[in-house]
Amino acid sequence: MGTVHALAAPEMATVAEACDAYLATLAGPESAGTRRVYAGVLRALAEGLGADTDVASLQPRAVAAWFTGRWGQRSPSRWNTCLDALRSAARYWADQDWIRDDPVRLLRRRRKAPDRSRALSRGDVEQLLTRDDIAIRERTLWRMLYETAARSAEVLRLDVEDLDMPNRRARVRRKGGAIDVIVWQTGTARLLPRLLKGRKAGPVFLTERRARVELPPCDIDRASGRARLSYRQAEDLFKAASGGATLHQLRHSALTHDAEAGASTPMLMAKSGHTSVTSLARYARPSAEALARWQQQNDPARRR
């Protein structure tokens, strides 16, 4: 008769060890943004509930109280992002048999209040995109963001090698890591050659001066030593020129204006990179002016 051996108990892990182990699963370049955000949330968890605490001992009520105290006053978007980080980590910990009870089961996602006024008018957008006192870099970036309806991060990550200028398109890495194509129009096509000035490699959008800190080689133009333009700097420049509007509003405005012009839902999703109609609906919302025009055109009394 064979010998029966007792199975070894699951390996235990502290909160710090469990957080590090989960973050190691986000090592790919396509997950760099997610890793950065999630690392901040998990670092806060370790600091708040004890880095040396056994992760299996985390109690749902204690986690909910800590989480609410930390992010309860933040926007629904921020709350949901932080909660997603903990939920994702908890699923990984459960798969490793480090926890039996879900430590975040008492927390719920928050619904975002609908924002019906984020799109800029066509006139405001055109005025911004045609200003003579704006540098060619900003004019090109803003025009490309509006014509492609791409996310700011996707466009700012573009390298010259990604561009297919004869066909007015470029390869981008979408949110979540998927490779996709964005397509622009005449305005961007006219500005890009003026911006690049014959450059064949390196980031499309560069800082004005040489990089002062050490950066990854992919974020440096070898010929000039200038760095890839950061989102923060690009956002600050746009806010200053627009009176407080954000780069994200260009994407919102582009999809709204396309929806007003009759673009179909599949076309809008292809342009924006959205994979959910629900997500798209928050962007492609016709304005009050467009609704008024539609009402006037379809008013039965007007036709009589």
C-alpha atoms as a PDB file:
ATOM      1  CA  MET A   1       0.000   0.000   0.000  1.00  0.00           C
ATOM      2  CA  GLY A   2       1.376   3.391  -0.978  1.00  0.00           C
ATOM      3  CA  THR A   3       2.435   6.038   1.499  1.00  0.00           C
ATOM      4  CA  VAL A   4       0.136   9.051   1.867  1.00  0.00           C
ATOM      5  CA  HIS A   5       1.960  12.406   2.082  1.00  0.00           C
ATOM      6  CA  ALA A   6       0.309  15.529   3.460  1.00  0.00           C
ATOM      7  CA  LEU A   7       0.227  18.413   1.039  1.00  0.00           C
ATOM      8  CA  ALA A   8       2.344  21.420   1.978  1.00  0.00           C
ATOM      9  CA  ALA A   9       0.416  24.414   3.209  1.00  0.00           C
ATOM     10  CA  PRO A  10       0.198  27.312   0.723  1.00  0.00           C
ATOM     11  CA  GLU A  11       3.120  29.680   0.925  1.00  0.00           C
ATOM     12  CA  MET A  12       2.376  32.766   2.980  1.00  0.00           C
ATOM     13  CA  ALA A  13       3.209  36.295   1.881  1.00  0.00           C
ATOM     14  CA  THR A  14       3.338  39.670   3.539  1.00  0.00           C
ATOM     15  CA  VAL A  15       1.423  42.581   2.034  1.00  0.00           C
ATOM     16  CA  ALA A  16       4.659  44.020   0.629  1.00  0.00           C
ATOM     17  CA  GLU A  17       5.705  40.676  -0.884  1.00  0.00           C
ATOM     18  CA  ALA A  18       2.255  40.073  -2.345  1.00  0.00           C
ATOM     19  CA  CYS A  19       2.171  43.556  -3.894  1.00  0.00           C
ATOM     20  CA  ASP A  20       5.630  43.134  -5.429  1.00  0.00           C
ATOM     21  CA  ALA A  21       4.719  39.726  -6.813  1.00  0.00           C
ATOM     22  CA  TYR A  22       1.576  41.072  -8.480  1.00  0.00           C
ATOM     23  CA  LEU A  23       3.358  44.094  -9.954  1.00  0.00           C
ATOM     24  CA  ALA A  24       5.948  41.757 -11.468  1.00  0.00           C
ATOM     25  CA  THR A  25       3.164  40.395 -13.696  1.00  0.00           C
ATOM     26  CA  LEU A  26       2.841  43.867 -15.271  1.00  0.00           C
ATOM     27  CA  ALA A  27       6.413  43.951 -16.524  1.00  0.00           C
ATOM     28  CA  GLY A  28       5.694  44.355 -20.266  1.00  0.00           C
ATOM     29  CA  PRO A  29       6.069  47.747 -21.978  1.00  0.00           C
ATOM     30  CA  GLU A  30       2.386  47.705 -22.896  1.00  0.00           C
ATOM     31  CA  SER A  31       1.573  47.648 -19.157  1.00  0.00           C
ATOM     32  CA  ALA A  32       3.952  50.426 -18.094  1.00  0.00           C
ATOM     33  CA  GLY A  33       1.190  52.961 -17.467  1.00  0.00           C
ATOM     34  CA  THR A  34      -0.977  50.507 -15.564  1.00  0.00           C
ATOM     35  CA  ARG A  35       1.990  49.361 -13.486  1.00  0.00           C
ATOM     36  CA  ARG A  36       2.856  52.938 -12.520  1.00  0.00           C
ATOM     37  CA  VAL A  37      -0.681  53.735 -11.359  1.00  0.00           C
ATOM     38  CA  TYR A  38      -1.287  50.396  -9.627  1.00  0.00           C
ATOM     39  CA  ALA A  39       2.100  50.541  -7.894  1.00  0.00           C
ATOM     40  CA  GLY A  40       1.077  53.793  -6.210  1.00  0.00           C
ATOM     41  CA  VAL A  41      -2.148  52.263  -4.923  1.00  0.00           C
ATOM     42  CA  LEU A  42      -0.466  49.098  -3.629  1.00  0.00           C
ATOM     43  CA  ARG A  43       2.332  51.089  -2.032  1.00  0.00           C
ATOM     44  CA  ALA A  44      -0.319  53.085  -0.170  1.00  0.00           C
ATOM     45  CA  LEU A  45      -1.967  49.825   0.927  1.00  0.00           C
ATOM     46  CA  ALA A  46       1.306  48.560   2.387  1.00  0.00           C
ATOM     47  CA  GLU A  47       1.931  51.844   4.166  1.00  0.00           C
ATOM     48  CA  GLY A  48      -1.618  52.081   5.488  1.00  0.00           C
ATOM     49  CA  LEU A  49      -2.183  48.502   6.659  1.00  0.00           C
ATOM     50  CA  GLY A  50       1.356  47.332   7.300  1.00  0.00           C
ATOM     51  CA  ALA A  51       3.940  46.113   4.820  1.00  0.00           C
ATOM     52  CA  ASP A  52       4.850  43.141   7.062  1.00  0.00           C
ATOM     53  CA  THR A  53       1.246  42.124   7.669  1.00  0.00           C
ATOM     54  CA  ASP A  54       0.261  38.684   6.394  1.00  0.00           C
ATOM     55  CA  VAL A  55      -1.817  39.411   3.299  1.00  0.00           C
ATOM     56  CA  ALA A  56      -4.214  36.625   4.307  1.00  0.00           C
ATOM     57  CA  SER A  57      -5.110  38.580   7.443  1.00  0.00           C
ATOM     58  CA  LEU A  58      -6.465  41.619   5.580  1.00  0.00           C
ATOM     59  CA  GLN A  59     -10.067  42.076   6.716  1.00  0.00           C
ATOM     60  CA  PRO A  60     -12.650  43.451   4.251  1.00  0.00           C
ATOM     61  CA  ARG A  61     -14.000  45.982   6.754  1.00  0.00           C
ATOM     62  CA  ALA A  62     -10.532  47.278   7.575  1.00  0.00           C
ATOM     63  CA  VAL A  63      -9.618  47.528   3.900  1.00  0.00           C
ATOM     64  CA  ALA A  64     -12.897  49.302   3.084  1.00  0.00           C
ATOM     65  CA  ALA A  65     -12.396  51.794   5.920  1.00  0.00           C
ATOM     66  CA  TRP A  66      -8.808  52.488   4.889  1.00  0.00           C
ATOM     67  CA  PHE A  67      -9.701  52.795   1.196  1.00  0.00           C
ATOM     68  CA  THR A  68     -12.630  55.150   1.855  1.00  0.00           C
ATOM     69  CA  GLY A  69     -10.501  57.319   4.101  1.00  0.00           C
ATOM     70  CA  ARG A  70      -7.803  57.502   1.460  1.00  0.00           C
ATOM     71  CA  TRP A  71      -9.853  58.015  -1.710  1.00  0.00           C
ATOM     72  CA  GLY A  72     -13.388  58.720  -0.537  1.00  0.00           C
ATOM     73  CA  GLN A  73     -13.204  62.414  -1.474  1.00  0.00           C
ATOM     74  CA  ARG A  74     -11.663  61.828  -4.879  1.00  0.00           C
ATOM     75  CA  SER A  75     -13.518  61.754  -8.189  1.00  0.00           C
ATOM     76  CA  PRO A  76     -15.452  58.617  -9.197  1.00  0.00           C
ATOM     77  CA  SER A  77     -12.848  58.034 -11.919  1.00  0.00           C
ATOM     78  CA  ARG A  78      -9.966  58.082  -9.447  1.00  0.00           C
ATOM     79  CA  TRP A  79     -11.894  55.941  -6.946  1.00  0.00           C
ATOM     80  CA  ASN A  80     -12.640  53.331  -9.632  1.00  0.00           C
ATOM     81  CA  THR A  81      -9.058  53.243 -10.895  1.00  0.00           C
ATOM     82  CA  CYS A  82      -7.692  52.630  -7.398  1.00  0.00           C
ATOM     83  CA  LEU A  83     -10.339  49.999  -6.731  1.00  0.00           C
ATOM     84  CA  ASP A  84      -9.466  48.255  -9.995  1.00  0.00           C
ATOM     85  CA  ALA A  85      -5.854  48.067  -8.821  1.00  0.00           C
ATOM     86  CA  LEU A  86      -6.808  46.354  -5.569  1.00  0.00           C
ATOM     87  CA  ARG A  87      -9.290  44.010  -7.218  1.00  0.00           C
ATOM     88  CA  SER A  88      -6.771  42.920  -9.817  1.00  0.00           C
ATOM     89  CA  ALA A  89      -4.123  42.314  -7.169  1.00  0.00           C
ATOM     90  CA  ALA A  90      -6.592  40.406  -4.959  1.00  0.00           C
ATOM     91  CA  ARG A  91      -7.489  38.070  -7.839  1.00  0.00           C
ATOM     92  CA  TYR A  92      -3.808  37.313  -8.324  1.00  0.00           C
ATOM     93  CA  TRP A  93      -3.318  36.689  -4.587  1.00  0.00           C
ATOM     94  CA  ALA A  94      -6.285  34.309  -4.570  1.00  0.00           C
ATOM     95  CA  ASP A  95      -4.783  32.410  -7.505  1.00  0.00           C
ATOM     96  CA  GLN A  96      -1.602  31.989  -5.451  1.00  0.00           C
ATOM     97  CA  ASP A  97      -3.637  30.660  -2.479  1.00  0.00           C
ATOM     98  CA  TRP A  98      -2.363  33.532  -0.338  1.00  0.00           C
ATOM     99  CA  ILE A  99      -5.861  34.717   0.581  1.00  0.00           C
ATOM    100  CA  ARG A 100      -9.192  32.969   1.146  1.00  0.00           C
ATOM    101  CA  ASP A 101     -11.464  35.970   1.645  1.00  0.00           C
ATOM    102  CA  ASP A 102     -11.658  38.816  -0.871  1.00  0.00           C
ATOM    103  CA  PRO A 103     -10.319  41.867   1.022  1.00  0.00           C
ATOM    104  CA  VAL A 104     -12.102  44.346  -1.275  1.00  0.00           C
ATOM    105  CA  ARG A 105     -15.513  42.646  -1.445  1.00  0.00           C
ATOM    106  CA  LEU A 106     -17.225  45.453   0.522  1.00  0.00           C
ATOM    107  CA  LEU A 107     -16.136  48.168  -1.929  1.00  0.00           C
ATOM    108  CA  ARG A 108     -18.192  49.131  -4.973  1.00  0.00           C
ATOM    109  CA  ARG A 109     -17.388  51.114  -8.089  1.00  0.00           C
ATOM    110  CA  ARG A 110     -18.876  54.595  -8.295  1.00  0.00           C
ATOM    111  CA  ARG A 111     -20.936  55.873 -11.175  1.00  0.00           C
ATOM    112  CA  LYS A 112     -19.573  58.876 -12.982  1.00  0.00           C
ATOM    113  CA  ALA A 113     -21.877  61.863 -13.246  1.00  0.00           C
ATOM    114  CA  PRO A 114     -22.659  62.561 -16.912  1.00  0.00           C
ATOM    115  CA  ASP A 115     -20.836  65.561 -18.310  1.00  0.00           C
ATOM    116  CA  ARG A 116     -22.794  67.095 -21.171  1.00  0.00           C
ATOM    117  CA  SER A 117     -20.669  70.157 -21.812  1.00  0.00           C
ATOM    118  CA  ARG A 118     -17.102  68.947 -22.317  1.00  0.00           C
ATOM    119  CA  ALA A 119     -16.991  69.296 -26.093  1.00  0.00           C
ATOM    120  CA  LEU A 120     -15.650  72.551 -27.493  1.00  0.00           C
ATOM    121  CA  SER A 121     -17.620  74.181 -30.294  1.00  0.00           C
ATOM    122  CA  ARG A 122     -16.400  73.802 -33.861  1.00  0.00           C
ATOM    123  CA  GLY A 123     -15.632  77.502 -33.939  1.00  0.00           C
ATOM    124  CA  ASP A 124     -13.545  77.357 -30.771  1.00  0.00           C
ATOM    125  CA  VAL A 125     -11.582  74.366 -32.062  1.00  0.00           C
ATOM    126  CA  GLU A 126     -10.893  75.972 -35.422  1.00  0.00           C
ATOM    127  CA  GLN A 127      -9.774  79.197 -33.773  1.00  0.00           C
ATOM    128  CA  LEU A 128      -7.292  77.277 -31.612  1.00  0.00           C
ATOM    129  CA  LEU A 129      -5.951  75.212 -34.497  1.00  0.00           C
ATOM    130  CA  THR A 130      -5.351  78.183 -36.793  1.00  0.00           C
ATOM    131  CA  ARG A 131      -3.742  80.678 -34.417  1.00  0.00           C
ATOM    132  CA  ASP A 132      -0.617  82.242 -35.932  1.00  0.00           C
ATOM    133  CA  ASP A 133       1.024  82.838 -32.548  1.00  0.00           C
ATOM    134  CA  ILE A 134       1.209  79.108 -31.721  1.00  0.00           C
ATOM    135  CA  ALA A 135       4.397  77.127 -32.410  1.00  0.00           C
ATOM    136  CA  ILE A 136       4.366  74.559 -35.210  1.00  0.00           C
ATOM    137  CA  ARG A 137       4.806  71.695 -32.722  1.00  0.00           C
ATOM    138  CA  GLU A 138       1.632  72.583 -30.831  1.00  0.00           C
ATOM    139  CA  ARG A 139      -0.351  73.311 -33.984  1.00  0.00           C
ATOM    140  CA  THR A 140       0.594  69.904 -35.371  1.00  0.00           C
ATOM    141  CA  LEU A 141      -0.130  68.061 -32.137  1.00  0.00           C
ATOM    142  CA  TRP A 142      -3.493  69.726 -31.583  1.00  0.00           C
ATOM    143  CA  ARG A 143      -4.547  69.263 -35.197  1.00  0.00           C
ATOM    144  CA  MET A 144      -3.571  65.586 -35.139  1.00  0.00           C
ATOM    145  CA  LEU A 145      -5.406  64.981 -31.869  1.00  0.00           C
ATOM    146  CA  TYR A 146      -8.566  66.575 -33.239  1.00  0.00           C
ATOM    147  CA  GLU A 147      -8.468  64.948 -36.671  1.00  0.00           C
ATOM    148  CA  THR A 148      -7.699  61.449 -35.362  1.00  0.00           C
ATOM    149  CA  ALA A 149      -9.686  61.613 -32.078  1.00  0.00           C
ATOM    150  CA  ALA A 150      -6.806  59.617 -30.579  1.00  0.00           C
ATOM    151  CA  ARG A 151      -5.785  59.745 -26.942  1.00  0.00           C
ATOM    152  CA  SER A 152      -3.052  62.244 -26.111  1.00  0.00           C
ATOM    153  CA  ALA A 153      -0.739  59.519 -24.805  1.00  0.00           C
ATOM    154  CA  GLU A 154      -1.101  57.537 -28.032  1.00  0.00           C
ATOM    155  CA  VAL A 155      -0.058  60.478 -30.192  1.00  0.00           C
ATOM    156  CA  LEU A 156       2.739  61.654 -27.910  1.00  0.00           C
ATOM    157  CA  ARG A 157       4.239  58.135 -28.033  1.00  0.00           C
ATOM    158  CA  LEU A 158       4.507  58.270 -31.824  1.00  0.00           C
ATOM    159  CA  ASP A 159       7.938  57.885 -33.424  1.00  0.00           C
ATOM    160  CA  VAL A 160       8.717  59.086 -36.929  1.00  0.00           C
ATOM    161  CA  GLU A 161       9.071  55.437 -37.997  1.00  0.00           C
ATOM    162  CA  ASP A 162       5.411  54.850 -37.052  1.00  0.00           C
ATOM    163  CA  LEU A 163       4.181  57.405 -39.577  1.00  0.00           C
ATOM    164  CA  ASP A 164       2.870  56.489 -43.019  1.00  0.00           C
ATOM    165  CA  MET A 165       2.736  60.036 -44.326  1.00  0.00           C
ATOM    166  CA  PRO A 166       1.732  59.267 -47.955  1.00  0.00           C
ATOM    167  CA  ASN A 167      -1.360  57.449 -46.654  1.00  0.00           C
ATOM    168  CA  ARG A 168      -1.963  59.858 -43.755  1.00  0.00           C
ATOM    169  CA  ARG A 169      -1.904  57.218 -41.040  1.00  0.00           C
ATOM    170  CA  ALA A 170       0.204  55.852 -38.197  1.00  0.00           C
ATOM    171  CA  ARG A 171       0.462  52.785 -36.001  1.00  0.00           C
ATOM    172  CA  VAL A 172      -0.354  53.411 -32.336  1.00  0.00           C
ATOM    173  CA  ARG A 173      -0.588  51.332 -29.190  1.00  0.00           C
ATOM    174  CA  ARG A 174      -4.053  51.792 -27.755  1.00  0.00           C
ATOM    175  CA  LYS A 175      -5.069  51.763 -24.125  1.00  0.00           C
ATOM    176  CA  GLY A 176      -4.687  48.162 -23.014  1.00  0.00           C
ATOM    177  CA  GLY A 177      -1.830  47.440 -25.422  1.00  0.00           C
ATOM    178  CA  ALA A 178      -3.647  46.726 -28.693  1.00  0.00           C
ATOM    179  CA  ILE A 179      -1.930  47.869 -31.901  1.00  0.00           C
ATOM    180  CA  ASP A 180      -4.193  50.017 -34.058  1.00  0.00           C
ATOM    181  CA  VAL A 181      -4.093  52.630 -36.821  1.00  0.00           C
ATOM    182  CA  ILE A 182      -5.052  56.303 -36.632  1.00  0.00           C
ATOM    183  CA  VAL A 183      -5.819  58.330 -39.751  1.00  0.00           C
ATOM    184  CA  TRP A 184      -5.592  62.100 -40.167  1.00  0.00           C
ATOM    185  CA  GLN A 185      -6.747  64.664 -42.694  1.00  0.00           C
ATOM    186  CA  THR A 186      -5.273  67.435 -44.835  1.00  0.00           C
ATOM    187  CA  GLY A 187      -4.541  69.829 -41.992  1.00  0.00           C
ATOM    188  CA  THR A 188      -2.201  67.412 -40.228  1.00  0.00           C
ATOM    189  CA  ALA A 189      -0.723  66.219 -43.529  1.00  0.00           C
ATOM    190  CA  ARG A 190       0.356  69.781 -44.353  1.00  0.00           C
ATOM    191  CA  LEU A 191       1.873  70.459 -40.934  1.00  0.00           C
ATOM    192  CA  LEU A 192       3.847  67.245 -40.338  1.00  0.00           C
ATOM    193  CA  PRO A 193       6.593  67.882 -42.937  1.00  0.00           C
ATOM    194  CA  ARG A 194       7.132  71.364 -41.497  1.00  0.00           C
ATOM    195  CA  LEU A 195       7.470  69.906 -38.018  1.00  0.00           C
ATOM    196  CA  LEU A 196       9.804  67.023 -38.910  1.00  0.00           C
ATOM    197  CA  LYS A 197      12.099  68.945 -41.277  1.00  0.00           C
ATOM    198  CA  GLY A 198      13.394  65.769 -42.841  1.00  0.00           C
ATOM    199  CA  ARG A 199      13.858  63.761 -39.617  1.00  0.00           C
ATOM    200  CA  LYS A 200      13.595  60.014 -40.272  1.00  0.00           C
ATOM    201  CA  ALA A 201      13.686  58.641 -36.730  1.00  0.00           C
ATOM    202  CA  GLY A 202      13.026  59.454 -33.100  1.00  0.00           C
ATOM    203  CA  PRO A 203       9.966  60.854 -31.315  1.00  0.00           C
ATOM    204  CA  VAL A 204       7.643  62.937 -33.476  1.00  0.00           C
ATOM    205  CA  PHE A 205       7.036  65.565 -30.800  1.00  0.00           C
ATOM    206  CA  LEU A 206      10.193  66.822 -29.095  1.00  0.00           C
ATOM    207  CA  THR A 207      11.060  69.288 -26.373  1.00  0.00           C
ATOM    208  CA  GLU A 208      12.689  72.546 -27.450  1.00  0.00           C
ATOM    209  CA  ARG A 209      15.907  71.913 -25.510  1.00  0.00           C
ATOM    210  CA  ARG A 210      18.241  68.980 -24.978  1.00  0.00           C
ATOM    211  CA  ALA A 211      17.239  66.543 -22.254  1.00  0.00           C
ATOM    212  CA  ARG A 212      18.724  67.448 -18.877  1.00  0.00           C
ATOM    213  CA  VAL A 213      18.107  64.075 -17.223  1.00  0.00           C
ATOM    214  CA  GLU A 214      18.850  60.528 -18.288  1.00  0.00           C
ATOM    215  CA  LEU A 215      15.960  59.051 -20.257  1.00  0.00           C
ATOM    216  CA  PRO A 216      15.360  55.767 -22.119  1.00  0.00           C
ATOM    217  CA  PRO A 217      16.986  55.839 -25.597  1.00  0.00           C
ATOM    218  CA  CYS A 218      13.562  55.550 -27.237  1.00  0.00           C
ATOM    219  CA  ASP A 219      12.583  58.922 -25.745  1.00  0.00           C
ATOM    220  CA  ILE A 220      15.581  60.825 -27.139  1.00  0.00           C
ATOM    221  CA  ASP A 221      16.269  62.163 -30.612  1.00  0.00           C
ATOM    222  CA  ARG A 222      19.858  61.065 -31.228  1.00  0.00           C
ATOM    223  CA  ALA A 223      20.674  63.854 -33.648  1.00  0.00           C
ATOM    224  CA  SER A 224      19.603  66.750 -31.428  1.00  0.00           C
ATOM    225  CA  GLY A 225      19.569  65.240 -27.946  1.00  0.00           C
ATOM    226  CA  ARG A 226      16.063  66.562 -27.394  1.00  0.00           C
ATOM    227  CA  ALA A 227      13.541  64.467 -25.469  1.00  0.00           C
ATOM    228  CA  ARG A 228      10.042  63.289 -26.227  1.00  0.00           C
ATOM    229  CA  LEU A 229       7.468  65.910 -25.271  1.00  0.00           C
ATOM    230  CA  SER A 230       5.768  64.916 -22.016  1.00  0.00           C
ATOM    231  CA  TYR A 231       2.027  64.841 -21.488  1.00  0.00           C
ATOM    232  CA  ARG A 232       2.276  67.302 -18.624  1.00  0.00           C
ATOM    233  CA  GLN A 233       4.095  69.909 -20.697  1.00  0.00           C
ATOM    234  CA  ALA A 234       1.773  69.420 -23.660  1.00  0.00           C
ATOM    235  CA  GLU A 235      -1.269  69.751 -21.393  1.00  0.00           C
ATOM    236  CA  ASP A 236       0.036  72.917 -19.724  1.00  0.00           C
ATOM    237  CA  LEU A 237       0.678  74.570 -23.104  1.00  0.00           C
ATOM    238  CA  PHE A 238      -2.809  73.731 -24.347  1.00  0.00           C
ATOM    239  CA  LYS A 239      -4.488  74.945 -21.171  1.00  0.00           C
ATOM    240  CA  ALA A 240      -2.624  78.236 -21.384  1.00  0.00           C
ATOM    241  CA  ALA A 241      -3.636  78.784 -25.007  1.00  0.00           C
ATOM    242  CA  SER A 242      -7.250  77.633 -24.630  1.00  0.00           C
ATOM    243  CA  GLY A 243      -8.110  79.340 -21.365  1.00  0.00           C
ATOM    244  CA  GLY A 244      -8.270  76.152 -19.332  1.00  0.00           C
ATOM    245  CA  ALA A 245      -9.486  73.476 -21.744  1.00  0.00           C
ATOM    246  CA  THR A 246      -7.699  70.122 -21.758  1.00  0.00           C
ATOM    247  CA  LEU A 247      -6.166  68.024 -24.509  1.00  0.00           C
ATOM    248  CA  HIS A 248      -8.721  65.350 -23.703  1.00  0.00           C
ATOM    249  CA  GLN A 249     -11.433  67.783 -24.769  1.00  0.00           C
ATOM    250  CA  LEU A 250     -10.056  67.742 -28.307  1.00  0.00           C
ATOM    251  CA  ARG A 251     -10.782  64.004 -28.462  1.00  0.00           C
ATOM    252  CA  HIS A 252     -14.197  64.553 -26.896  1.00  0.00           C
ATOM    253  CA  SER A 253     -14.930  67.386 -29.330  1.00  0.00           C
ATOM    254  CA  ALA A 254     -13.832  65.415 -32.392  1.00  0.00           C
ATOM    255  CA  LEU A 255     -16.126  62.490 -31.596  1.00  0.00           C
ATOM    256  CA  THR A 256     -19.025  64.794 -30.745  1.00  0.00           C
ATOM    257  CA  HIS A 257     -18.645  66.728 -33.994  1.00  0.00           C
ATOM    258  CA  ASP A 258     -18.383  63.500 -36.019  1.00  0.00           C
ATOM    259  CA  ALA A 259     -21.523  62.179 -34.334  1.00  0.00           C
ATOM    260  CA  GLU A 260     -23.332  65.426 -35.188  1.00  0.00           C
ATOM    261  CA  ALA A 261     -22.230  64.986 -38.803  1.00  0.00           C
ATOM    262  CA  GLY A 262     -23.861  61.542 -38.924  1.00  0.00           C
ATOM    263  CA  ALA A 263     -20.910  59.187 -38.386  1.00  0.00           C
ATOM    264  CA  SER A 264     -22.060  55.668 -37.511  1.00  0.00           C
ATOM    265  CA  THR A 265     -21.245  54.009 -34.209  1.00  0.00           C
ATOM    266  CA  PRO A 266     -18.850  51.458 -35.813  1.00  0.00           C
ATOM    267  CA  MET A 267     -17.016  54.293 -37.565  1.00  0.00           C
ATOM    268  CA  LEU A 268     -16.712  56.303 -34.353  1.00  0.00           C
ATOM    269  CA  MET A 269     -15.400  53.241 -32.503  1.00  0.00           C
ATOM    270  CA  ALA A 270     -12.849  52.562 -35.235  1.00  0.00           C
ATOM    271  CA  LYS A 271     -11.672  56.157 -35.084  1.00  0.00           C
ATOM    272  CA  SER A 272     -11.474  56.461 -31.316  1.00  0.00           C
ATOM    273  CA  GLY A 273     -10.230  52.994 -30.442  1.00  0.00           C
ATOM    274  CA  HIS A 274     -13.131  52.387 -28.044  1.00  0.00           C
ATOM    275  CA  THR A 275     -14.124  48.755 -27.569  1.00  0.00           C
ATOM    276  CA  SER A 276     -17.329  49.556 -25.680  1.00  0.00           C
ATOM    277  CA  VAL A 277     -20.365  51.409 -27.013  1.00  0.00           C
ATOM    278  CA  THR A 278     -21.092  52.533 -23.455  1.00  0.00           C
ATOM    279  CA  SER A 279     -17.682  54.201 -23.212  1.00  0.00           C
ATOM    280  CA  LEU A 280     -18.098  55.815 -26.620  1.00  0.00           C
ATOM    281  CA  ALA A 281     -21.488  57.243 -25.647  1.00  0.00           C
ATOM    282  CA  ARG A 282     -19.846  59.436 -23.017  1.00  0.00           C
ATOM    283  CA  TYR A 283     -17.874  61.158 -25.767  1.00  0.00           C
ATOM    284  CA  ALA A 284     -20.025  61.204 -28.876  1.00  0.00           C
ATOM    285  CA  ARG A 285     -22.858  63.272 -27.416  1.00  0.00           C
ATOM    286  CA  PRO A 286     -24.319  65.880 -29.799  1.00  0.00           C
ATOM    287  CA  SER A 287     -24.363  69.401 -28.420  1.00  0.00           C
ATOM    288  CA  ALA A 288     -27.437  71.431 -27.503  1.00  0.00           C
ATOM    289  CA  GLU A 289     -26.885  73.531 -30.650  1.00  0.00           C
ATOM    290  CA  ALA A 290     -26.862  70.409 -32.840  1.00  0.00           C
ATOM    291  CA  LEU A 291     -30.006  69.149 -31.118  1.00  0.00           C
ATOM    292  CA  ALA A 292     -31.701  72.500 -31.750  1.00  0.00           C
ATOM    293  CA  ARG A 293     -30.762  72.363 -35.464  1.00  0.00           C
ATOM    294  CA  TRP A 294     -32.116  68.824 -35.734  1.00  0.00           C
ATOM    295  CA  GLN A 295     -35.346  69.808 -34.004  1.00  0.00           C
ATOM    296  CA  GLN A 296     -35.780  72.766 -36.336  1.00  0.00           C
ATOM    297  CA  GLN A 297     -35.130  70.684 -39.445  1.00  0.00           C
ATOM    298  CA  ASN A 298     -37.606  68.014 -38.317  1.00  0.00           C
ATOM    299  CA  ASP A 299     -40.311  70.342 -36.915  1.00  0.00           C
ATOM    300  CA  PRO A 300     -43.644  69.280 -38.550  1.00  0.00           C
ATOM    301  CA  ALA A 301     -45.073  72.794 -38.229  1.00  0.00           C
ATOM    302  CA  ARG A 302     -42.073  74.237 -40.084  1.00  0.00           C
ATOM    303  CA  ARG A 303     -42.692  72.045 -43.123  1.00  0.00           C
ATOM    304  CA  ARG A 304     -46.327  73.125 -43.515  1.00  0.00           C
END
